[in-house]
């Protein structure tokens, strides 16, 4: 396992221990970077119109389309570190 993969997995654990809950925009960014880093480009159908949370998550993830998984992992790790202070 690469150092980046280990840091990514640790950041996914650390995000649960943040001193305070990030704002919704930051939460969406965390979600999108995690999904891009772990799965790659967005896939599957867009959630229905009335699934506001699902739609927001899908759209945040789709904005990262074309971003490499390693780049997304690095940005995720950096963002979690920043949030932890």
PDB file of N, CA and C in Angstrom:
ATOM      1  N   UNK A   1       0.853  -1.191   0.000  1.00  0.00           N
ATOM      2  CA  UNK A   1       0.000   0.000   0.000  1.00  0.00           C
ATOM      3  C   UNK A   1       0.895   1.250   0.000  1.00  0.00           C
ATOM      4  N   UNK A   2       0.548   2.195  -0.823  1.00  0.00           N
ATOM      5  CA  UNK A   2       1.349   3.414  -0.942  1.00  0.00           C
ATOM      6  C   UNK A   2       1.174   4.317   0.283  1.00  0.00           C
ATOM      7  N   UNK A   3       2.138   5.216   0.455  1.00  0.00           N
ATOM      8  CA  UNK A   3       2.050   6.197   1.539  1.00  0.00           C
ATOM      9  C   UNK A   3       0.804   7.063   1.368  1.00  0.00           C
ATOM     10  N   UNK A   4       0.515   7.432   0.118  1.00  0.00           N
ATOM     11  CA  UNK A   4      -0.661   8.255  -0.150  1.00  0.00           C
ATOM     12  C   UNK A   4      -1.936   7.525   0.237  1.00  0.00           C
ATOM     13  N   UNK A   5      -2.029   6.236  -0.107  1.00  0.00           N
ATOM     14  CA  UNK A   5      -3.214   5.455   0.240  1.00  0.00           C
ATOM     15  C   UNK A   5      -3.368   5.357   1.754  1.00  0.00           C
ATOM     16  N   UNK A   6      -2.253   5.160   2.458  1.00  0.00           N
ATOM     17  CA  UNK A   6      -2.307   5.087   3.927  1.00  0.00           C
ATOM     18  C   UNK A   6      -2.759   6.421   4.515  1.00  0.00           C
ATOM     19  N   UNK A   7      -2.226   7.531   3.978  1.00  0.00           N
ATOM     20  CA  UNK A   7      -2.605   8.862   4.470  1.00  0.00           C
ATOM     21  C   UNK A   7      -4.088   9.119   4.191  1.00  0.00           C
ATOM     22  N   UNK A   8      -4.557   8.674   3.027  1.00  0.00           N
ATOM     23  CA  UNK A   8      -5.958   8.835   2.635  1.00  0.00           C
ATOM     24  C   UNK A   8      -6.872   8.072   3.596  1.00  0.00           C
ATOM     25  N   UNK A   9      -6.531   6.838   3.877  1.00  0.00           N
ATOM     26  CA  UNK A   9      -7.338   6.028   4.796  1.00  0.00           C
ATOM     27  C   UNK A   9      -7.315   6.602   6.207  1.00  0.00           C
ATOM     28  N   UNK A  10      -6.155   7.116   6.639  1.00  0.00           N
ATOM     29  CA  UNK A  10      -6.069   7.726   7.969  1.00  0.00           C
ATOM     30  C   UNK A  10      -6.906   8.995   8.019  1.00  0.00           C
ATOM     31  N   UNK A  11      -6.875   9.786   6.953  1.00  0.00           N
ATOM     32  CA  UNK A  11      -7.668  11.014   6.904  1.00  0.00           C
ATOM     33  C   UNK A  11      -9.156  10.690   6.975  1.00  0.00           C
ATOM     34  N   UNK A  12      -9.564   9.586   6.341  1.00  0.00           N
ATOM     35  CA  UNK A  12     -10.974   9.177   6.383  1.00  0.00           C
ATOM     36  C   UNK A  12     -11.391   8.843   7.817  1.00  0.00           C
ATOM     37  N   UNK A  13     -10.462   8.338   8.623  1.00  0.00           N
ATOM     38  CA  UNK A  13     -10.748   8.078  10.042  1.00  0.00           C
ATOM     39  C   UNK A  13     -10.707   9.381  10.837  1.00  0.00           C
ATOM     40  N   UNK A  14      -9.698  10.201  10.548  1.00  0.00           N
ATOM     41  CA  UNK A  14      -9.518  11.456  11.279  1.00  0.00           C
ATOM     42  C   UNK A  14     -10.691  12.417  11.096  1.00  0.00           C
ATOM     43  N   UNK A  15     -11.324  12.362   9.929  1.00  0.00           N
ATOM     44  CA  UNK A  15     -12.428  13.289   9.647  1.00  0.00           C
ATOM     45  C   UNK A  15     -13.574  13.070  10.649  1.00  0.00           C
ATOM     46  N   UNK A  16     -13.670  11.872  11.192  1.00  0.00           N
ATOM     47  CA  UNK A  16     -14.707  11.581  12.190  1.00  0.00           C
ATOM     48  C   UNK A  16     -14.395  12.238  13.535  1.00  0.00           C
ATOM     49  N   UNK A  17     -13.146  12.646  13.722  1.00  0.00           N
ATOM     50  CA  UNK A  17     -12.699  13.185  15.013  1.00  0.00           C
ATOM     51  C   UNK A  17     -12.512  14.697  15.001  1.00  0.00           C
ATOM     52  N   UNK A  18     -13.023  15.362  13.980  1.00  0.00           N
ATOM     53  CA  UNK A  18     -12.853  16.812  13.894  1.00  0.00           C
ATOM     54  C   UNK A  18     -13.459  17.488  15.118  1.00  0.00           C
ATOM     55  N   UNK A  19     -12.815  18.555  15.611  1.00  0.00           N
ATOM     56  CA  UNK A  19     -13.310  19.225  16.809  1.00  0.00           C
ATOM     57  C   UNK A  19     -14.700  19.846  16.629  1.00  0.00           C
ATOM     58  N   UNK A  20     -15.014  20.267  15.412  1.00  0.00           N
ATOM     59  CA  UNK A  20     -16.361  20.775  15.151  1.00  0.00           C
ATOM     60  C   UNK A  20     -16.790  20.373  13.753  1.00  0.00           C
ATOM     61  N   UNK A  21     -18.100  20.320  13.565  1.00  0.00           N
ATOM     62  CA  UNK A  21     -18.647  19.907  12.276  1.00  0.00           C
ATOM     63  C   UNK A  21     -18.412  21.014  11.246  1.00  0.00           C
ATOM     64  N   UNK A  22     -17.807  20.640  10.109  1.00  0.00           N
ATOM     65  CA  UNK A  22     -17.596  21.649   9.062  1.00  0.00           C
ATOM     66  C   UNK A  22     -18.925  22.138   8.480  1.00  0.00           C
ATOM     67  N   UNK A  23     -18.882  23.301   7.811  1.00  0.00           N
ATOM     68  CA  UNK A  23     -20.091  23.799   7.161  1.00  0.00           C
ATOM     69  C   UNK A  23     -20.450  22.889   5.984  1.00  0.00           C
ATOM     70  N   UNK A  24     -21.657  23.051   5.475  1.00  0.00           N
ATOM     71  CA  UNK A  24     -22.150  22.156   4.426  1.00  0.00           C
ATOM     72  C   UNK A  24     -21.284  22.169   3.171  1.00  0.00           C
ATOM     73  N   UNK A  25     -20.786  23.333   2.803  1.00  0.00           N
ATOM     74  CA  UNK A  25     -19.939  23.418   1.608  1.00  0.00           C
ATOM     75  C   UNK A  25     -18.663  22.589   1.789  1.00  0.00           C
ATOM     76  N   UNK A  26     -18.075  22.660   2.973  1.00  0.00           N
ATOM     77  CA  UNK A  26     -16.864  21.888   3.258  1.00  0.00           C
ATOM     78  C   UNK A  26     -17.181  20.403   3.316  1.00  0.00           C
ATOM     79  N   UNK A  27     -18.322  20.059   3.896  1.00  0.00           N
ATOM     80  CA  UNK A  27     -18.720  18.653   3.933  1.00  0.00           C
ATOM     81  C   UNK A  27     -18.888  18.088   2.526  1.00  0.00           C
ATOM     82  N   UNK A  28     -19.489  18.864   1.637  1.00  0.00           N
ATOM     83  CA  UNK A  28     -19.644  18.424   0.248  1.00  0.00           C
ATOM     84  C   UNK A  28     -18.281  18.246  -0.417  1.00  0.00           C
ATOM     85  N   UNK A  29     -17.360  19.166  -0.139  1.00  0.00           N
ATOM     86  CA  UNK A  29     -16.008  19.067  -0.713  1.00  0.00           C
ATOM     87  C   UNK A  29     -15.315  17.805  -0.205  1.00  0.00           C
ATOM     88  N   UNK A  30     -15.437  17.525   1.082  1.00  0.00           N
ATOM     89  CA  UNK A  30     -14.854  16.303   1.645  1.00  0.00           C
ATOM     90  C   UNK A  30     -15.446  15.068   0.976  1.00  0.00           C
ATOM     91  N   UNK A  31     -16.769  15.056   0.855  1.00  0.00           N
ATOM     92  CA  UNK A  31     -17.457  13.925   0.234  1.00  0.00           C
ATOM     93  C   UNK A  31     -16.962  13.713  -1.197  1.00  0.00           C
ATOM     94  N   UNK A  32     -16.941  14.811  -1.970  1.00  0.00           N
ATOM     95  CA  UNK A  32     -16.569  14.716  -3.380  1.00  0.00           C
ATOM     96  C   UNK A  32     -15.125  14.249  -3.543  1.00  0.00           C
ATOM     97  N   UNK A  33     -14.218  14.805  -2.753  1.00  0.00           N
ATOM     98  CA  UNK A  33     -12.812  14.394  -2.842  1.00  0.00           C
ATOM     99  C   UNK A  33     -12.648  12.933  -2.438  1.00  0.00           C
ATOM    100  N   UNK A  34     -13.379  12.513  -1.407  1.00  0.00           N
ATOM    101  CA  UNK A  34     -13.294  11.110  -0.972  1.00  0.00           C
ATOM    102  C   UNK A  34     -13.787  10.179  -2.079  1.00  0.00           C
ATOM    103  N   UNK A  35     -14.942  10.499  -2.651  1.00  0.00           N
ATOM    104  CA  UNK A  35     -15.502   9.649  -3.706  1.00  0.00           C
ATOM    105  C   UNK A  35     -14.584   9.622  -4.926  1.00  0.00           C
ATOM    106  N   UNK A  36     -14.056  10.791  -5.314  1.00  0.00           N
ATOM    107  CA  UNK A  36     -13.166  10.862  -6.481  1.00  0.00           C
ATOM    108  C   UNK A  36     -11.893  10.066  -6.207  1.00  0.00           C
ATOM    109  N   UNK A  37     -11.372  10.193  -4.992  1.00  0.00           N
ATOM    110  CA  UNK A  37     -10.153   9.483  -4.631  1.00  0.00           C
ATOM    111  C   UNK A  37     -10.337   7.987  -4.524  1.00  0.00           C
ATOM    112  N   UNK A  38     -11.499   7.557  -4.071  1.00  0.00           N
ATOM    113  CA  UNK A  38     -11.711   6.122  -3.877  1.00  0.00           C
ATOM    114  C   UNK A  38     -12.339   5.432  -5.080  1.00  0.00           C
ATOM    115  N   UNK A  39     -13.151   6.145  -5.868  1.00  0.00           N
ATOM    116  CA  UNK A  39     -13.866   5.500  -6.970  1.00  0.00           C
ATOM    117  C   UNK A  39     -13.563   6.073  -8.347  1.00  0.00           C
ATOM    118  N   UNK A  40     -12.995   7.283  -8.406  1.00  0.00           N
ATOM    119  CA  UNK A  40     -12.758   7.918  -9.703  1.00  0.00           C
ATOM    120  C   UNK A  40     -13.950   8.778 -10.091  1.00  0.00           C
ATOM    121  N   UNK A  41     -14.106   9.004 -11.388  1.00  0.00           N
ATOM    122  CA  UNK A  41     -15.165   9.885 -11.880  1.00  0.00           C
ATOM    123  C   UNK A  41     -16.554   9.416 -11.456  1.00  0.00           C
ATOM    124  N   UNK A  42     -17.447  10.379 -11.305  1.00  0.00           N
ATOM    125  CA  UNK A  42     -18.824  10.122 -10.893  1.00  0.00           C
ATOM    126  C   UNK A  42     -19.463   9.081 -11.816  1.00  0.00           C
ATOM    127  N   UNK A  43     -20.291   8.230 -11.212  1.00  0.00           N
ATOM    128  CA  UNK A  43     -20.970   7.202 -12.000  1.00  0.00           C
ATOM    129  C   UNK A  43     -22.380   7.022 -11.464  1.00  0.00           C
ATOM    130  N   UNK A  44     -23.201   6.385 -12.233  1.00  0.00           N
ATOM    131  CA  UNK A  44     -24.577   6.139 -11.827  1.00  0.00           C
ATOM    132  C   UNK A  44     -25.473   7.307 -12.173  1.00  0.00           C
ATOM    133  N   UNK A  45     -26.771   7.079 -12.093  1.00  0.00           N
ATOM    134  CA  UNK A  45     -27.725   8.139 -12.431  1.00  0.00           C
ATOM    135  C   UNK A  45     -27.765   9.226 -11.364  1.00  0.00           C
ATOM    136  N   UNK A  46     -28.053  10.433 -11.788  1.00  0.00           N
ATOM    137  CA  UNK A  46     -28.205  11.551 -10.856  1.00  0.00           C
ATOM    138  C   UNK A  46     -29.462  11.313 -10.029  1.00  0.00           C
ATOM    139  N   UNK A  47     -29.409  11.560  -8.708  1.00  0.00           N
ATOM    140  CA  UNK A  47     -30.601  11.372  -7.869  1.00  0.00           C
ATOM    141  C   UNK A  47     -31.769  12.250  -8.334  1.00  0.00           C
ATOM    142  N   UNK A  48     -32.953  11.855  -7.941  1.00  0.00           N
ATOM    143  CA  UNK A  48     -34.160  12.586  -8.326  1.00  0.00           C
ATOM    144  C   UNK A  48     -34.187  14.009  -7.790  1.00  0.00           C
ATOM    145  N   UNK A  49     -35.019  14.813  -8.394  1.00  0.00           N
ATOM    146  CA  UNK A  49     -35.124  16.239  -8.082  1.00  0.00           C
ATOM    147  C   UNK A  49     -35.375  16.498  -6.600  1.00  0.00           C
ATOM    148  N   UNK A  50     -36.176  15.687  -5.949  1.00  0.00           N
ATOM    149  CA  UNK A  50     -36.534  15.936  -4.547  1.00  0.00           C
ATOM    150  C   UNK A  50     -35.533  15.362  -3.550  1.00  0.00           C
ATOM    151  N   UNK A  51     -34.511  14.675  -4.045  1.00  0.00           N
ATOM    152  CA  UNK A  51     -33.436  14.182  -3.179  1.00  0.00           C
ATOM    153  C   UNK A  51     -32.352  15.259  -3.150  1.00  0.00           C
ATOM    154  N   UNK A  52     -32.605  16.305  -2.349  1.00  0.00           N
ATOM    155  CA  UNK A  52     -31.720  17.468  -2.344  1.00  0.00           C
ATOM    156  C   UNK A  52     -30.301  17.133  -1.899  1.00  0.00           C
ATOM    157  N   UNK A  53     -30.162  16.342  -0.847  1.00  0.00           N
ATOM    158  CA  UNK A  53     -28.841  15.989  -0.337  1.00  0.00           C
ATOM    159  C   UNK A  53     -28.107  15.119  -1.358  1.00  0.00           C
ATOM    160  N   UNK A  54     -28.800  14.114  -1.875  1.00  0.00           N
ATOM    161  CA  UNK A  54     -28.193  13.236  -2.872  1.00  0.00           C
ATOM    162  C   UNK A  54     -27.764  13.996  -4.114  1.00  0.00           C
ATOM    163  N   UNK A  55     -28.602  14.920  -4.554  1.00  0.00           N
ATOM    164  CA  UNK A  55     -28.288  15.728  -5.732  1.00  0.00           C
ATOM    165  C   UNK A  55     -27.072  16.619  -5.463  1.00  0.00           C
ATOM    166  N   UNK A  56     -27.016  17.234  -4.301  1.00  0.00           N
ATOM    167  CA  UNK A  56     -25.881  18.100  -3.951  1.00  0.00           C
ATOM    168  C   UNK A  56     -24.578  17.289  -3.925  1.00  0.00           C
ATOM    169  N   UNK A  57     -24.634  16.099  -3.341  1.00  0.00           N
ATOM    170  CA  UNK A  57     -23.454  15.241  -3.290  1.00  0.00           C
ATOM    171  C   UNK A  57     -23.020  14.834  -4.696  1.00  0.00           C
ATOM    172  N   UNK A  58     -23.982  14.438  -5.511  1.00  0.00           N
ATOM    173  CA  UNK A  58     -23.698  14.008  -6.888  1.00  0.00           C
ATOM    174  C   UNK A  58     -23.056  15.149  -7.671  1.00  0.00           C
ATOM    175  N   UNK A  59     -23.627  16.338  -7.549  1.00  0.00           N
ATOM    176  CA  UNK A  59     -23.101  17.488  -8.299  1.00  0.00           C
ATOM    177  C   UNK A  59     -21.706  17.881  -7.826  1.00  0.00           C
ATOM    178  N   UNK A  60     -21.465  17.821  -6.514  1.00  0.00           N
ATOM    179  CA  UNK A  60     -20.135  18.144  -5.988  1.00  0.00           C
ATOM    180  C   UNK A  60     -19.104  17.153  -6.528  1.00  0.00           C
ATOM    181  N   UNK A  61     -19.474  15.876  -6.563  1.00  0.00           N
ATOM    182  CA  UNK A  61     -18.576  14.837  -7.064  1.00  0.00           C
ATOM    183  C   UNK A  61     -18.349  15.024  -8.566  1.00  0.00           C
ATOM    184  N   UNK A  62     -19.407  15.333  -9.298  1.00  0.00           N
ATOM    185  CA  UNK A  62     -19.278  15.443 -10.749  1.00  0.00           C
ATOM    186  C   UNK A  62     -18.394  16.629 -11.159  1.00  0.00           C
ATOM    187  N   UNK A  63     -18.286  17.650 -10.300  1.00  0.00           N
ATOM    188  CA  UNK A  63     -17.409  18.794 -10.591  1.00  0.00           C
ATOM    189  C   UNK A  63     -15.937  18.378 -10.623  1.00  0.00           C
ATOM    190  N   UNK A  64     -15.614  17.247 -10.016  1.00  0.00           N
ATOM    191  CA  UNK A  64     -14.227  16.771  -9.971  1.00  0.00           C
ATOM    192  C   UNK A  64     -13.910  15.815 -11.122  1.00  0.00           C
ATOM    193  N   UNK A  65     -14.850  15.636 -12.031  1.00  0.00           N
ATOM    194  CA  UNK A  65     -14.649  14.712 -13.151  1.00  0.00           C
ATOM    195  C   UNK A  65     -13.345  15.048 -13.869  1.00  0.00           C
ATOM    196  N   UNK A  66     -12.541  14.032 -14.107  1.00  0.00           N
ATOM    197  CA  UNK A  66     -11.262  14.222 -14.777  1.00  0.00           C
ATOM    198  C   UNK A  66     -10.097  14.422 -13.819  1.00  0.00           C
ATOM    199  N   UNK A  67     -10.399  14.655 -12.535  1.00  0.00           N
ATOM    200  CA  UNK A  67      -9.340  14.779 -11.531  1.00  0.00           C
ATOM    201  C   UNK A  67      -8.804  13.383 -11.237  1.00  0.00           C
ATOM    202  N   UNK A  68      -7.499  13.240 -11.257  1.00  0.00           N
ATOM    203  CA  UNK A  68      -6.894  11.936 -10.966  1.00  0.00           C
ATOM    204  C   UNK A  68      -7.183  11.501  -9.540  1.00  0.00           C
ATOM    205  N   UNK A  69      -7.272  10.186  -9.337  1.00  0.00           N
ATOM    206  CA  UNK A  69      -7.572   9.673  -7.999  1.00  0.00           C
ATOM    207  C   UNK A  69      -6.482  10.066  -6.995  1.00  0.00           C
ATOM    208  N   UNK A  70      -5.219  10.005  -7.407  1.00  0.00           N
ATOM    209  CA  UNK A  70      -4.141  10.379  -6.484  1.00  0.00           C
ATOM    210  C   UNK A  70      -4.222  11.856  -6.115  1.00  0.00           C
ATOM    211  N   UNK A  71      -4.542  12.693  -7.092  1.00  0.00           N
ATOM    212  CA  UNK A  71      -4.669  14.130  -6.821  1.00  0.00           C
ATOM    213  C   UNK A  71      -5.820  14.386  -5.846  1.00  0.00           C
ATOM    214  N   UNK A  72      -6.943  13.695  -6.055  1.00  0.00           N
ATOM    215  CA  UNK A  72      -8.093  13.851  -5.157  1.00  0.00           C
ATOM    216  C   UNK A  72      -7.750  13.373  -3.752  1.00  0.00           C
ATOM    217  N   UNK A  73      -7.028  12.268  -3.647  1.00  0.00           N
ATOM    218  CA  UNK A  73      -6.628  11.753  -2.333  1.00  0.00           C
ATOM    219  C   UNK A  73      -5.753  12.774  -1.606  1.00  0.00           C
ATOM    220  N   UNK A  74      -4.791  13.353  -2.339  1.00  0.00           N
ATOM    221  CA  UNK A  74      -3.897  14.332  -1.725  1.00  0.00           C
ATOM    222  C   UNK A  74      -4.679  15.553  -1.242  1.00  0.00           C
ATOM    223  N   UNK A  75      -5.610  16.046  -2.058  1.00  0.00           N
ATOM    224  CA  UNK A  75      -6.417  17.203  -1.668  1.00  0.00           C
ATOM    225  C   UNK A  75      -7.297  16.869  -0.457  1.00  0.00           C
ATOM    226  N   UNK A  76      -7.823  15.652  -0.408  1.00  0.00           N
ATOM    227  CA  UNK A  76      -8.647  15.208   0.720  1.00  0.00           C
ATOM    228  C   UNK A  76      -7.806  15.208   2.001  1.00  0.00           C
ATOM    229  N   UNK A  77      -6.624  14.595   1.928  1.00  0.00           N
ATOM    230  CA  UNK A  77      -5.729  14.526   3.094  1.00  0.00           C
ATOM    231  C   UNK A  77      -5.384  15.941   3.567  1.00  0.00           C
ATOM    232  N   UNK A  78      -5.040  16.815   2.625  1.00  0.00           N
ATOM    233  CA  UNK A  78      -4.683  18.199   2.978  1.00  0.00           C
ATOM    234  C   UNK A  78      -5.847  18.938   3.628  1.00  0.00           C
ATOM    235  N   UNK A  79      -7.058  18.741   3.108  1.00  0.00           N
ATOM    236  CA  UNK A  79      -8.228  19.409   3.668  1.00  0.00           C
ATOM    237  C   UNK A  79      -8.531  18.912   5.081  1.00  0.00           C
ATOM    238  N   UNK A  80      -8.430  17.614   5.302  1.00  0.00           N
ATOM    239  CA  UNK A  80      -8.670  17.073   6.653  1.00  0.00           C
ATOM    240  C   UNK A  80      -7.635  17.615   7.621  1.00  0.00           C
ATOM    241  N   UNK A  81      -6.367  17.673   7.197  1.00  0.00           N
ATOM    242  CA  UNK A  81      -5.306  18.218   8.069  1.00  0.00           C
ATOM    243  C   UNK A  81      -5.625  19.663   8.431  1.00  0.00           C
ATOM    244  N   UNK A  82      -6.045  20.441   7.440  1.00  0.00           N
ATOM    245  CA  UNK A  82      -6.384  21.856   7.673  1.00  0.00           C
ATOM    246  C   UNK A  82      -7.535  21.978   8.668  1.00  0.00           C
ATOM    247  N   UNK A  83      -8.544  21.139   8.535  1.00  0.00           N
ATOM    248  CA  UNK A  83      -9.705  21.184   9.424  1.00  0.00           C
ATOM    249  C   UNK A  83      -9.359  20.753  10.846  1.00  0.00           C
ATOM    250  N   UNK A  84      -8.381  19.887  10.969  1.00  0.00           N
ATOM    251  CA  UNK A  84      -7.985  19.410  12.307  1.00  0.00           C
ATOM    252  C   UNK A  84      -7.165  20.469  13.029  1.00  0.00           C
ATOM    253  N   UNK A  85      -6.637  21.426  12.255  1.00  0.00           N
ATOM    254  CA  UNK A  85      -5.867  22.516  12.867  1.00  0.00           C
ATOM    255  C   UNK A  85      -4.504  22.084  13.128  1.00  0.00           C
TER     256      UNK A  85
END
